[in-house]
């Protein structure tokens, strides 16, 4: 782990400790009876402890650790996505290619810093080759839907999420050897935005943003959560190559994209008739339930940083 990340993780640990104490105190005051909001809050805090420890362990091993971690995250996210979408026997070759070729190759290309290929491998080559492979099966039943399902799964669960470790490949003048902090900033700001949108929605929420897609998302929660998380991102400018106003602008962009990511992924869940992508993480549902915001924020953040700073 880069030495400059230790103070950041110490601060996160202190905040989580404070949150744990507050959550337990609220539960003690509410009594032994179940309380949906407080119980959900404590489950989220417990899950955050696990996630911070896992990310911290990956950071200890540097670039390799981060790539391996997000390879595993992508694997479970892709598995959740494919599990909830219809498949037929003719899809099996394409699914084998997706899990055992496309997924590892994408992360190997990032490990080799081959931007020219990892930036187009899935959205160009796999986008074209997967339906070609599926067509050899001769099964035309819902062919477009089935082909799109695998393409979308790879884009969301692999390509978009791989943009996080891809930040390690950027050469930013004056920021050499500190790219892990960019990853920490991105994940922290996006996840804090999710939490603050939830809290602001519970405290002040009245008007639904998209009641048929995500009944819990309110306009007040969106505005309050994004605004507060943008201030957090600006306050953490010191761990980025950004000036304070640039950090605020980047935080606003990733927070808005994170909200749209949650909205789109909620639409897919509603289409499949489920509330969560899975039950892997207590208090958070499946892997995609926790990473849906990051899926949409990460590629935009990566390309913005690469274009303007690298």
C-alpha atoms as a PDB file:
ATOM      1  CA  UNK A   1       0.000   0.000   0.000  1.00  0.00           C
ATOM      2  CA  UNK A   2       1.266   3.473  -0.844  1.00  0.00           C
ATOM      3  CA  UNK A   3       2.259   5.341   2.314  1.00  0.00           C
ATOM      4  CA  UNK A   4      -0.059   8.244   1.476  1.00  0.00           C
ATOM      5  CA  UNK A   5      -3.118   5.960   1.652  1.00  0.00           C
ATOM      6  CA  UNK A   6      -2.642   5.102   5.333  1.00  0.00           C
ATOM      7  CA  UNK A   7      -4.019   8.429   6.678  1.00  0.00           C
ATOM      8  CA  UNK A   8      -7.038   8.069   4.391  1.00  0.00           C
ATOM      9  CA  UNK A   9      -7.837   4.544   5.590  1.00  0.00           C
ATOM     10  CA  UNK A  10      -7.294   5.624   9.191  1.00  0.00           C
ATOM     11  CA  UNK A  11      -9.837   8.399   8.680  1.00  0.00           C
ATOM     12  CA  UNK A  12     -12.320   6.006   7.066  1.00  0.00           C
ATOM     13  CA  UNK A  13     -11.849   3.580   9.963  1.00  0.00           C
ATOM     14  CA  UNK A  14     -12.522   6.341  12.473  1.00  0.00           C
ATOM     15  CA  UNK A  15     -15.699   7.366  10.641  1.00  0.00           C
ATOM     16  CA  UNK A  16     -16.894   3.756  10.490  1.00  0.00           C
ATOM     17  CA  UNK A  17     -16.205   3.338  14.204  1.00  0.00           C
ATOM     18  CA  UNK A  18     -18.249   6.451  14.932  1.00  0.00           C
ATOM     19  CA  UNK A  19     -21.027   5.228  12.620  1.00  0.00           C
ATOM     20  CA  UNK A  20     -21.032   1.832  14.354  1.00  0.00           C
ATOM     21  CA  UNK A  21     -21.356   3.447  17.778  1.00  0.00           C
ATOM     22  CA  UNK A  22     -24.183   5.718  16.598  1.00  0.00           C
ATOM     23  CA  UNK A  23     -25.976   2.806  14.914  1.00  0.00           C
ATOM     24  CA  UNK A  24     -25.755   0.614  18.014  1.00  0.00           C
ATOM     25  CA  UNK A  25     -26.907   3.488  20.217  1.00  0.00           C
ATOM     26  CA  UNK A  26     -29.939   4.068  17.979  1.00  0.00           C
ATOM     27  CA  UNK A  27     -30.741   0.356  18.097  1.00  0.00           C
ATOM     28  CA  UNK A  28     -30.435   0.332  21.895  1.00  0.00           C
ATOM     29  CA  UNK A  29     -32.816   3.304  22.177  1.00  0.00           C
ATOM     30  CA  UNK A  30     -35.347   1.733  19.766  1.00  0.00           C
ATOM     31  CA  UNK A  31     -35.563  -1.423  21.871  1.00  0.00           C
ATOM     32  CA  UNK A  32     -35.400  -5.120  20.911  1.00  0.00           C
ATOM     33  CA  UNK A  33     -38.253  -4.918  18.387  1.00  0.00           C
ATOM     34  CA  UNK A  34     -37.230  -4.852  14.691  1.00  0.00           C
ATOM     35  CA  UNK A  35     -36.787  -1.381  13.213  1.00  0.00           C
ATOM     36  CA  UNK A  36     -36.467  -1.413   9.414  1.00  0.00           C
ATOM     37  CA  UNK A  37     -34.459   1.810   8.981  1.00  0.00           C
ATOM     38  CA  UNK A  38     -32.058   1.309  11.906  1.00  0.00           C
ATOM     39  CA  UNK A  39     -31.540  -2.399  11.186  1.00  0.00           C
ATOM     40  CA  UNK A  40     -30.819  -1.587   7.535  1.00  0.00           C
ATOM     41  CA  UNK A  41     -28.395   1.139   8.581  1.00  0.00           C
ATOM     42  CA  UNK A  42     -26.472  -1.201  10.899  1.00  0.00           C
ATOM     43  CA  UNK A  43     -26.352  -3.906   8.227  1.00  0.00           C
ATOM     44  CA  UNK A  44     -24.912  -1.359   5.788  1.00  0.00           C
ATOM     45  CA  UNK A  45     -22.286  -0.264   8.319  1.00  0.00           C
ATOM     46  CA  UNK A  46     -21.260  -3.884   8.997  1.00  0.00           C
ATOM     47  CA  UNK A  47     -20.972  -4.529   5.274  1.00  0.00           C
ATOM     48  CA  UNK A  48     -18.896  -1.359   4.899  1.00  0.00           C
ATOM     49  CA  UNK A  49     -16.404  -2.691   7.460  1.00  0.00           C
ATOM     50  CA  UNK A  50     -15.959  -5.824   5.368  1.00  0.00           C
ATOM     51  CA  UNK A  51     -15.622  -3.901   2.102  1.00  0.00           C
ATOM     52  CA  UNK A  52     -13.084  -1.443   3.518  1.00  0.00           C
ATOM     53  CA  UNK A  53     -10.985  -4.306   4.917  1.00  0.00           C
ATOM     54  CA  UNK A  54     -11.084  -6.155   1.570  1.00  0.00           C
ATOM     55  CA  UNK A  55     -10.143  -3.029  -0.394  1.00  0.00           C
ATOM     56  CA  UNK A  56      -7.399  -2.223   2.108  1.00  0.00           C
ATOM     57  CA  UNK A  57      -5.982  -5.737   1.739  1.00  0.00           C
ATOM     58  CA  UNK A  58      -5.973  -5.344  -2.053  1.00  0.00           C
ATOM     59  CA  UNK A  59      -4.222  -1.980  -1.743  1.00  0.00           C
ATOM     60  CA  UNK A  60      -1.413  -3.614   0.255  1.00  0.00           C
ATOM     61  CA  UNK A  61      -0.531  -5.633  -2.860  1.00  0.00           C
ATOM     62  CA  UNK A  62      -0.651  -2.567  -5.095  1.00  0.00           C
ATOM     63  CA  UNK A  63      -1.672  -2.767  -8.733  1.00  0.00           C
ATOM     64  CA  UNK A  64      -1.773  -6.567  -8.801  1.00  0.00           C
ATOM     65  CA  UNK A  65      -3.993  -6.727  -5.729  1.00  0.00           C
ATOM     66  CA  UNK A  66      -6.438  -4.179  -7.160  1.00  0.00           C
ATOM     67  CA  UNK A  67      -6.633  -6.003 -10.506  1.00  0.00           C
ATOM     68  CA  UNK A  68      -7.270  -9.359  -8.812  1.00  0.00           C
ATOM     69  CA  UNK A  69      -9.914  -7.819  -6.528  1.00  0.00           C
ATOM     70  CA  UNK A  70     -11.856  -6.240  -9.379  1.00  0.00           C
ATOM     71  CA  UNK A  71     -11.491  -9.367 -11.499  1.00  0.00           C
ATOM     72  CA  UNK A  72     -13.338 -11.218  -8.737  1.00  0.00           C
ATOM     73  CA  UNK A  73     -15.868  -8.397  -8.388  1.00  0.00           C
ATOM     74  CA  UNK A  74     -16.523  -8.525 -12.137  1.00  0.00           C
ATOM     75  CA  UNK A  75     -16.855 -12.313 -12.080  1.00  0.00           C
ATOM     76  CA  UNK A  76     -19.534 -12.246  -9.371  1.00  0.00           C
ATOM     77  CA  UNK A  77     -21.265  -9.245 -10.932  1.00  0.00           C
ATOM     78  CA  UNK A  78     -21.391 -10.947 -14.345  1.00  0.00           C
ATOM     79  CA  UNK A  79     -22.664 -14.134 -12.715  1.00  0.00           C
ATOM     80  CA  UNK A  80     -25.490 -12.192 -11.034  1.00  0.00           C
ATOM     81  CA  UNK A  81     -26.391 -10.433 -14.266  1.00  0.00           C
ATOM     82  CA  UNK A  82     -26.489 -13.603 -16.347  1.00  0.00           C
ATOM     83  CA  UNK A  83     -28.366 -15.532 -13.641  1.00  0.00           C
ATOM     84  CA  UNK A  84     -31.292 -13.102 -13.743  1.00  0.00           C
ATOM     85  CA  UNK A  85     -31.590 -13.045 -17.538  1.00  0.00           C
ATOM     86  CA  UNK A  86     -32.998 -15.815 -19.764  1.00  0.00           C
ATOM     87  CA  UNK A  87     -30.594 -18.224 -21.466  1.00  0.00           C
ATOM     88  CA  UNK A  88     -30.970 -21.098 -23.911  1.00  0.00           C
ATOM     89  CA  UNK A  89     -28.680 -23.891 -24.986  1.00  0.00           C
ATOM     90  CA  UNK A  90     -27.512 -21.849 -27.974  1.00  0.00           C
ATOM     91  CA  UNK A  91     -26.107 -19.201 -25.585  1.00  0.00           C
ATOM     92  CA  UNK A  92     -23.642 -21.540 -23.879  1.00  0.00           C
ATOM     93  CA  UNK A  93     -20.670 -20.938 -26.239  1.00  0.00           C
ATOM     94  CA  UNK A  94     -21.071 -17.171 -25.865  1.00  0.00           C
ATOM     95  CA  UNK A  95     -21.312 -17.482 -22.070  1.00  0.00           C
ATOM     96  CA  UNK A  96     -18.169 -19.633 -21.930  1.00  0.00           C
ATOM     97  CA  UNK A  97     -16.371 -17.006 -24.007  1.00  0.00           C
ATOM     98  CA  UNK A  98     -17.630 -14.229 -21.740  1.00  0.00           C
ATOM     99  CA  UNK A  99     -16.590 -15.844 -18.439  1.00  0.00           C
ATOM    100  CA  UNK A 100     -13.406 -17.669 -19.397  1.00  0.00           C
ATOM    101  CA  UNK A 101     -11.941 -15.544 -22.192  1.00  0.00           C
ATOM    102  CA  UNK A 102     -13.323 -12.005 -22.233  1.00  0.00           C
ATOM    103  CA  UNK A 103     -13.210 -11.488 -18.455  1.00  0.00           C
ATOM    104  CA  UNK A 104      -9.612 -12.616 -17.797  1.00  0.00           C
ATOM    105  CA  UNK A 105      -8.269 -11.095 -21.031  1.00  0.00           C
ATOM    106  CA  UNK A 106      -9.735  -7.682 -20.173  1.00  0.00           C
ATOM    107  CA  UNK A 107      -7.917  -7.639 -16.831  1.00  0.00           C
ATOM    108  CA  UNK A 108      -4.705  -9.029 -18.307  1.00  0.00           C
ATOM    109  CA  UNK A 109      -4.698  -6.185 -20.839  1.00  0.00           C
ATOM    110  CA  UNK A 110      -5.040  -3.714 -17.985  1.00  0.00           C
ATOM    111  CA  UNK A 111      -2.195  -5.466 -16.181  1.00  0.00           C
ATOM    112  CA  UNK A 112      -0.068  -4.994 -19.320  1.00  0.00           C
ATOM    113  CA  UNK A 113      -1.112  -1.293 -19.597  1.00  0.00           C
ATOM    114  CA  UNK A 114      -2.391  -1.940 -23.120  1.00  0.00           C
ATOM    115  CA  UNK A 115      -4.877   0.930 -23.326  1.00  0.00           C
ATOM    116  CA  UNK A 116      -5.231   0.722 -27.099  1.00  0.00           C
ATOM    117  CA  UNK A 117      -6.748  -2.753 -26.769  1.00  0.00           C
ATOM    118  CA  UNK A 118      -8.461  -2.896 -23.361  1.00  0.00           C
ATOM    119  CA  UNK A 119     -10.456   0.235 -24.245  1.00  0.00           C
ATOM    120  CA  UNK A 120     -12.033  -1.442 -27.313  1.00  0.00           C
ATOM    121  CA  UNK A 121     -11.722  -5.188 -26.650  1.00  0.00           C
ATOM    122  CA  UNK A 122     -15.230  -5.606 -25.217  1.00  0.00           C
ATOM    123  CA  UNK A 123     -17.197  -2.718 -26.799  1.00  0.00           C
ATOM    124  CA  UNK A 124     -15.908  -3.493 -30.312  1.00  0.00           C
ATOM    125  CA  UNK A 125     -14.490  -6.998 -30.759  1.00  0.00           C
ATOM    126  CA  UNK A 126     -16.637  -8.891 -28.250  1.00  0.00           C
ATOM    127  CA  UNK A 127     -19.711  -6.850 -29.173  1.00  0.00           C
ATOM    128  CA  UNK A 128     -19.398  -8.155 -32.743  1.00  0.00           C
ATOM    129  CA  UNK A 129     -18.055 -11.648 -32.104  1.00  0.00           C
ATOM    130  CA  UNK A 130     -20.484 -12.811 -29.386  1.00  0.00           C
ATOM    131  CA  UNK A 131     -23.642 -12.695 -31.561  1.00  0.00           C
ATOM    132  CA  UNK A 132     -21.683 -14.311 -34.402  1.00  0.00           C
ATOM    133  CA  UNK A 133     -20.813 -17.185 -32.084  1.00  0.00           C
ATOM    134  CA  UNK A 134     -24.398 -17.428 -30.822  1.00  0.00           C
ATOM    135  CA  UNK A 135     -25.752 -17.513 -34.370  1.00  0.00           C
ATOM    136  CA  UNK A 136     -23.880 -20.763 -35.066  1.00  0.00           C
ATOM    137  CA  UNK A 137     -26.275 -22.479 -32.646  1.00  0.00           C
ATOM    138  CA  UNK A 138     -29.138 -21.913 -35.077  1.00  0.00           C
ATOM    139  CA  UNK A 139     -31.560 -20.919 -32.293  1.00  0.00           C
ATOM    140  CA  UNK A 140     -33.390 -17.749 -33.362  1.00  0.00           C
ATOM    141  CA  UNK A 141     -35.876 -17.671 -30.465  1.00  0.00           C
ATOM    142  CA  UNK A 142     -35.508 -14.230 -28.813  1.00  0.00           C
ATOM    143  CA  UNK A 143     -32.096 -14.027 -30.433  1.00  0.00           C
ATOM    144  CA  UNK A 144     -31.733 -10.249 -30.156  1.00  0.00           C
ATOM    145  CA  UNK A 145     -32.699 -10.244 -26.474  1.00  0.00           C
ATOM    146  CA  UNK A 146     -30.344 -13.110 -25.648  1.00  0.00           C
ATOM    147  CA  UNK A 147     -27.401 -11.629 -27.554  1.00  0.00           C
ATOM    148  CA  UNK A 148     -27.982  -8.198 -26.002  1.00  0.00           C
ATOM    149  CA  UNK A 149     -28.079  -9.773 -22.542  1.00  0.00           C
ATOM    150  CA  UNK A 150     -24.526 -11.135 -22.835  1.00  0.00           C
ATOM    151  CA  UNK A 151     -23.285  -7.902 -24.419  1.00  0.00           C
ATOM    152  CA  UNK A 152     -24.833  -5.804 -21.669  1.00  0.00           C
ATOM    153  CA  UNK A 153     -23.505  -8.114 -18.987  1.00  0.00           C
ATOM    154  CA  UNK A 154     -19.954  -7.783 -20.279  1.00  0.00           C
ATOM    155  CA  UNK A 155     -20.217  -4.025 -20.674  1.00  0.00           C
ATOM    156  CA  UNK A 156     -21.652  -3.402 -17.203  1.00  0.00           C
ATOM    157  CA  UNK A 157     -19.949  -6.069 -15.095  1.00  0.00           C
ATOM    158  CA  UNK A 158     -16.572  -6.264 -16.846  1.00  0.00           C
ATOM    159  CA  UNK A 159     -15.804  -3.282 -19.059  1.00  0.00           C
ATOM    160  CA  UNK A 160     -17.248  -0.578 -16.799  1.00  0.00           C
ATOM    161  CA  UNK A 161     -15.919  -2.060 -13.545  1.00  0.00           C
ATOM    162  CA  UNK A 162     -12.479  -2.659 -15.075  1.00  0.00           C
ATOM    163  CA  UNK A 163     -12.198   1.113 -15.473  1.00  0.00           C
ATOM    164  CA  UNK A 164     -11.444   1.266 -11.739  1.00  0.00           C
ATOM    165  CA  UNK A 165      -8.147  -0.692 -11.820  1.00  0.00           C
ATOM    166  CA  UNK A 166      -7.446   0.919 -15.213  1.00  0.00           C
ATOM    167  CA  UNK A 167      -6.791   4.128 -13.247  1.00  0.00           C
ATOM    168  CA  UNK A 168      -3.528   2.446 -12.190  1.00  0.00           C
ATOM    169  CA  UNK A 169      -2.291   2.623 -15.806  1.00  0.00           C
ATOM    170  CA  UNK A 170      -2.439   6.420 -16.037  1.00  0.00           C
ATOM    171  CA  UNK A 171       0.757   8.479 -15.970  1.00  0.00           C
ATOM    172  CA  UNK A 172      -0.259  11.761 -14.345  1.00  0.00           C
ATOM    173  CA  UNK A 173       2.511  14.396 -14.109  1.00  0.00           C
ATOM    174  CA  UNK A 174       3.224  15.293 -10.501  1.00  0.00           C
ATOM    175  CA  UNK A 175       1.056  12.418  -9.242  1.00  0.00           C
ATOM    176  CA  UNK A 176       3.395   9.512  -9.917  1.00  0.00           C
ATOM    177  CA  UNK A 177       3.008   6.484  -7.666  1.00  0.00           C
ATOM    178  CA  UNK A 178      -0.239   7.698  -6.073  1.00  0.00           C
ATOM    179  CA  UNK A 179      -2.866   6.314  -8.440  1.00  0.00           C
ATOM    180  CA  UNK A 180      -4.323   4.162  -5.666  1.00  0.00           C
ATOM    181  CA  UNK A 181      -5.591   7.379  -4.128  1.00  0.00           C
ATOM    182  CA  UNK A 182      -7.625   8.072  -7.269  1.00  0.00           C
ATOM    183  CA  UNK A 183      -9.331   4.704  -6.867  1.00  0.00           C
ATOM    184  CA  UNK A 184      -9.963   5.389  -3.184  1.00  0.00           C
ATOM    185  CA  UNK A 185     -11.385   8.844  -3.999  1.00  0.00           C
ATOM    186  CA  UNK A 186     -13.712   7.509  -6.695  1.00  0.00           C
ATOM    187  CA  UNK A 187     -15.126   4.639  -4.625  1.00  0.00           C
ATOM    188  CA  UNK A 188     -15.414   6.739  -1.475  1.00  0.00           C
ATOM    189  CA  UNK A 189     -17.222   9.649  -3.148  1.00  0.00           C
ATOM    190  CA  UNK A 190     -19.644   7.460  -5.118  1.00  0.00           C
ATOM    191  CA  UNK A 191     -20.470   5.229  -2.150  1.00  0.00           C
ATOM    192  CA  UNK A 192     -20.884   8.190   0.205  1.00  0.00           C
ATOM    193  CA  UNK A 193     -23.253   9.714  -2.337  1.00  0.00           C
ATOM    194  CA  UNK A 194     -25.367   6.537  -2.223  1.00  0.00           C
ATOM    195  CA  UNK A 195     -25.493   6.617   1.581  1.00  0.00           C
ATOM    196  CA  UNK A 196     -26.264  10.339   1.768  1.00  0.00           C
ATOM    197  CA  UNK A 197     -29.009  10.035  -0.849  1.00  0.00           C
ATOM    198  CA  UNK A 198     -30.541   7.287   1.294  1.00  0.00           C
ATOM    199  CA  UNK A 199     -30.253   9.342   4.502  1.00  0.00           C
ATOM    200  CA  UNK A 200     -31.517  12.590   2.950  1.00  0.00           C
ATOM    201  CA  UNK A 201     -34.361  10.700   1.328  1.00  0.00           C
ATOM    202  CA  UNK A 202     -35.418   9.182   4.654  1.00  0.00           C
ATOM    203  CA  UNK A 203     -35.194  12.536   6.444  1.00  0.00           C
ATOM    204  CA  UNK A 204     -36.598  14.941   3.850  1.00  0.00           C
ATOM    205  CA  UNK A 205     -37.868  12.868   0.927  1.00  0.00           C
ATOM    206  CA  UNK A 206     -41.336  13.688  -0.412  1.00  0.00           C
ATOM    207  CA  UNK A 207     -41.264  13.706  -4.215  1.00  0.00           C
ATOM    208  CA  UNK A 208     -40.375  10.452  -5.980  1.00  0.00           C
ATOM    209  CA  UNK A 209     -37.881  10.644  -8.831  1.00  0.00           C
ATOM    210  CA  UNK A 210     -38.916   7.409 -10.551  1.00  0.00           C
ATOM    211  CA  UNK A 211     -41.573   5.649  -8.445  1.00  0.00           C
ATOM    212  CA  UNK A 212     -42.013   2.711 -10.817  1.00  0.00           C
ATOM    213  CA  UNK A 213     -38.265   2.007 -11.011  1.00  0.00           C
ATOM    214  CA  UNK A 214     -37.005   2.803  -7.519  1.00  0.00           C
ATOM    215  CA  UNK A 215     -39.681   3.915  -5.038  1.00  0.00           C
ATOM    216  CA  UNK A 216     -37.071   4.801  -2.406  1.00  0.00           C
ATOM    217  CA  UNK A 217     -35.342   7.435  -4.568  1.00  0.00           C
ATOM    218  CA  UNK A 218     -36.650  10.949  -3.950  1.00  0.00           C
ATOM    219  CA  UNK A 219     -35.785  14.323  -5.444  1.00  0.00           C
ATOM    220  CA  UNK A 220     -34.796  15.658  -2.025  1.00  0.00           C
ATOM    221  CA  UNK A 221     -32.573  12.644  -1.411  1.00  0.00           C
ATOM    222  CA  UNK A 222     -30.962  13.011  -4.826  1.00  0.00           C
ATOM    223  CA  UNK A 223     -30.231  16.725  -4.508  1.00  0.00           C
ATOM    224  CA  UNK A 224     -29.127  16.546  -0.876  1.00  0.00           C
ATOM    225  CA  UNK A 225     -27.012  13.421  -1.289  1.00  0.00           C
ATOM    226  CA  UNK A 226     -25.281  14.585  -4.462  1.00  0.00           C
ATOM    227  CA  UNK A 227     -24.639  18.059  -3.034  1.00  0.00           C
ATOM    228  CA  UNK A 228     -23.147  16.752   0.214  1.00  0.00           C
ATOM    229  CA  UNK A 229     -21.070  14.071  -1.538  1.00  0.00           C
ATOM    230  CA  UNK A 230     -19.785  16.735  -3.945  1.00  0.00           C
ATOM    231  CA  UNK A 231     -18.588  18.747  -0.943  1.00  0.00           C
ATOM    232  CA  UNK A 232     -16.884  15.615   0.407  1.00  0.00           C
ATOM    233  CA  UNK A 233     -15.168  15.087  -2.948  1.00  0.00           C
ATOM    234  CA  UNK A 234     -13.993  18.707  -2.977  1.00  0.00           C
ATOM    235  CA  UNK A 235     -12.707  18.406   0.604  1.00  0.00           C
ATOM    236  CA  UNK A 236     -10.660  15.352  -0.431  1.00  0.00           C
ATOM    237  CA  UNK A 237      -8.943  17.187  -3.301  1.00  0.00           C
ATOM    238  CA  UNK A 238      -5.634  16.725  -1.474  1.00  0.00           C
ATOM    239  CA  UNK A 239      -5.516  13.024  -2.386  1.00  0.00           C
ATOM    240  CA  UNK A 240      -6.082  13.763  -6.092  1.00  0.00           C
ATOM    241  CA  UNK A 241      -4.287  15.713  -8.833  1.00  0.00           C
ATOM    242  CA  UNK A 242      -7.289  18.089  -8.931  1.00  0.00           C
ATOM    243  CA  UNK A 243      -7.656  21.612  -7.651  1.00  0.00           C
ATOM    244  CA  UNK A 244     -10.527  22.024  -5.152  1.00  0.00           C
ATOM    245  CA  UNK A 245     -12.959  23.327  -7.799  1.00  0.00           C
ATOM    246  CA  UNK A 246     -11.917  20.542 -10.184  1.00  0.00           C
ATOM    247  CA  UNK A 247     -12.457  17.937  -7.462  1.00  0.00           C
ATOM    248  CA  UNK A 248     -15.932  19.380  -6.833  1.00  0.00           C
ATOM    249  CA  UNK A 249     -16.786  19.249 -10.535  1.00  0.00           C
ATOM    250  CA  UNK A 250     -15.486  15.682 -10.912  1.00  0.00           C
ATOM    251  CA  UNK A 251     -17.384  14.636  -7.780  1.00  0.00           C
ATOM    252  CA  UNK A 252     -20.579  16.135  -9.185  1.00  0.00           C
ATOM    253  CA  UNK A 253     -20.110  14.237 -12.452  1.00  0.00           C
ATOM    254  CA  UNK A 254     -19.454  10.844 -10.827  1.00  0.00           C
ATOM    255  CA  UNK A 255     -22.271  11.315  -8.315  1.00  0.00           C
ATOM    256  CA  UNK A 256     -24.804  12.114 -11.033  1.00  0.00           C
ATOM    257  CA  UNK A 257     -23.565   9.218 -13.161  1.00  0.00           C
ATOM    258  CA  UNK A 258     -23.748   6.978 -10.096  1.00  0.00           C
ATOM    259  CA  UNK A 259     -27.381   7.965  -9.567  1.00  0.00           C
ATOM    260  CA  UNK A 260     -28.196   7.194 -13.209  1.00  0.00           C
ATOM    261  CA  UNK A 261     -26.402   3.854 -12.827  1.00  0.00           C
ATOM    262  CA  UNK A 262     -28.590   2.929  -9.884  1.00  0.00           C
ATOM    263  CA  UNK A 263     -31.680   3.983 -11.813  1.00  0.00           C
ATOM    264  CA  UNK A 264     -30.833   1.941 -14.907  1.00  0.00           C
ATOM    265  CA  UNK A 265     -29.918  -1.136 -12.895  1.00  0.00           C
ATOM    266  CA  UNK A 266     -33.164  -0.791 -10.930  1.00  0.00           C
ATOM    267  CA  UNK A 267     -35.056  -0.758 -14.232  1.00  0.00           C
ATOM    268  CA  UNK A 268     -33.386  -4.037 -15.211  1.00  0.00           C
ATOM    269  CA  UNK A 269     -34.268  -5.586 -11.831  1.00  0.00           C
ATOM    270  CA  UNK A 270     -37.887  -4.498 -12.174  1.00  0.00           C
ATOM    271  CA  UNK A 271     -37.961  -6.001 -15.656  1.00  0.00           C
ATOM    272  CA  UNK A 272     -36.746  -9.303 -14.184  1.00  0.00           C
ATOM    273  CA  UNK A 273     -39.195  -9.075 -11.265  1.00  0.00           C
ATOM    274  CA  UNK A 274     -36.631  -9.013  -8.426  1.00  0.00           C
ATOM    275  CA  UNK A 275     -35.718  -6.551  -5.676  1.00  0.00           C
ATOM    276  CA  UNK A 276     -31.999  -7.356  -5.445  1.00  0.00           C
ATOM    277  CA  UNK A 277     -29.396  -8.804  -7.783  1.00  0.00           C
ATOM    278  CA  UNK A 278     -28.432 -11.332  -5.131  1.00  0.00           C
ATOM    279  CA  UNK A 279     -27.803 -11.864  -1.427  1.00  0.00           C
ATOM    280  CA  UNK A 280     -24.021 -11.895  -1.349  1.00  0.00           C
ATOM    281  CA  UNK A 281     -23.568  -8.864   0.928  1.00  0.00           C
ATOM    282  CA  UNK A 282     -25.769  -8.510   4.018  1.00  0.00           C
ATOM    283  CA  UNK A 283     -27.598  -5.217   3.941  1.00  0.00           C
ATOM    284  CA  UNK A 284     -26.618  -4.548   0.335  1.00  0.00           C
ATOM    285  CA  UNK A 285     -28.078  -7.405  -1.705  1.00  0.00           C
ATOM    286  CA  UNK A 286     -25.764  -8.709  -4.405  1.00  0.00           C
ATOM    287  CA  UNK A 287     -22.496  -7.446  -5.827  1.00  0.00           C
ATOM    288  CA  UNK A 288     -24.272  -5.395  -8.488  1.00  0.00           C
ATOM    289  CA  UNK A 289     -26.519  -3.809  -5.881  1.00  0.00           C
ATOM    290  CA  UNK A 290     -23.414  -2.349  -4.271  1.00  0.00           C
ATOM    291  CA  UNK A 291     -21.502  -1.568  -7.467  1.00  0.00           C
ATOM    292  CA  UNK A 292     -24.270  -0.280  -9.749  1.00  0.00           C
ATOM    293  CA  UNK A 293     -23.276   3.352  -9.141  1.00  0.00           C
ATOM    294  CA  UNK A 294     -19.600   2.601  -9.697  1.00  0.00           C
ATOM    295  CA  UNK A 295     -20.418   0.816 -12.975  1.00  0.00           C
ATOM    296  CA  UNK A 296     -21.652   4.047 -14.545  1.00  0.00           C
ATOM    297  CA  UNK A 297     -19.298   6.466 -12.784  1.00  0.00           C
ATOM    298  CA  UNK A 298     -15.982   4.631 -13.284  1.00  0.00           C
ATOM    299  CA  UNK A 299     -15.599   4.718 -17.102  1.00  0.00           C
ATOM    300  CA  UNK A 300     -16.563   8.406 -17.264  1.00  0.00           C
ATOM    301  CA  UNK A 301     -14.121   9.227 -14.467  1.00  0.00           C
ATOM    302  CA  UNK A 302     -11.324   7.197 -16.078  1.00  0.00           C
ATOM    303  CA  UNK A 303     -11.650   8.867 -19.470  1.00  0.00           C
ATOM    304  CA  UNK A 304     -12.020  12.361 -17.982  1.00  0.00           C
ATOM    305  CA  UNK A 305      -8.831  11.901 -15.940  1.00  0.00           C
ATOM    306  CA  UNK A 306      -6.968  10.376 -18.877  1.00  0.00           C
ATOM    307  CA  UNK A 307      -7.989  13.159 -21.255  1.00  0.00           C
ATOM    308  CA  UNK A 308      -7.441  16.151 -18.975  1.00  0.00           C
ATOM    309  CA  UNK A 309      -4.669  15.097 -16.596  1.00  0.00           C
ATOM    310  CA  UNK A 310      -2.681  12.123 -17.995  1.00  0.00           C
END
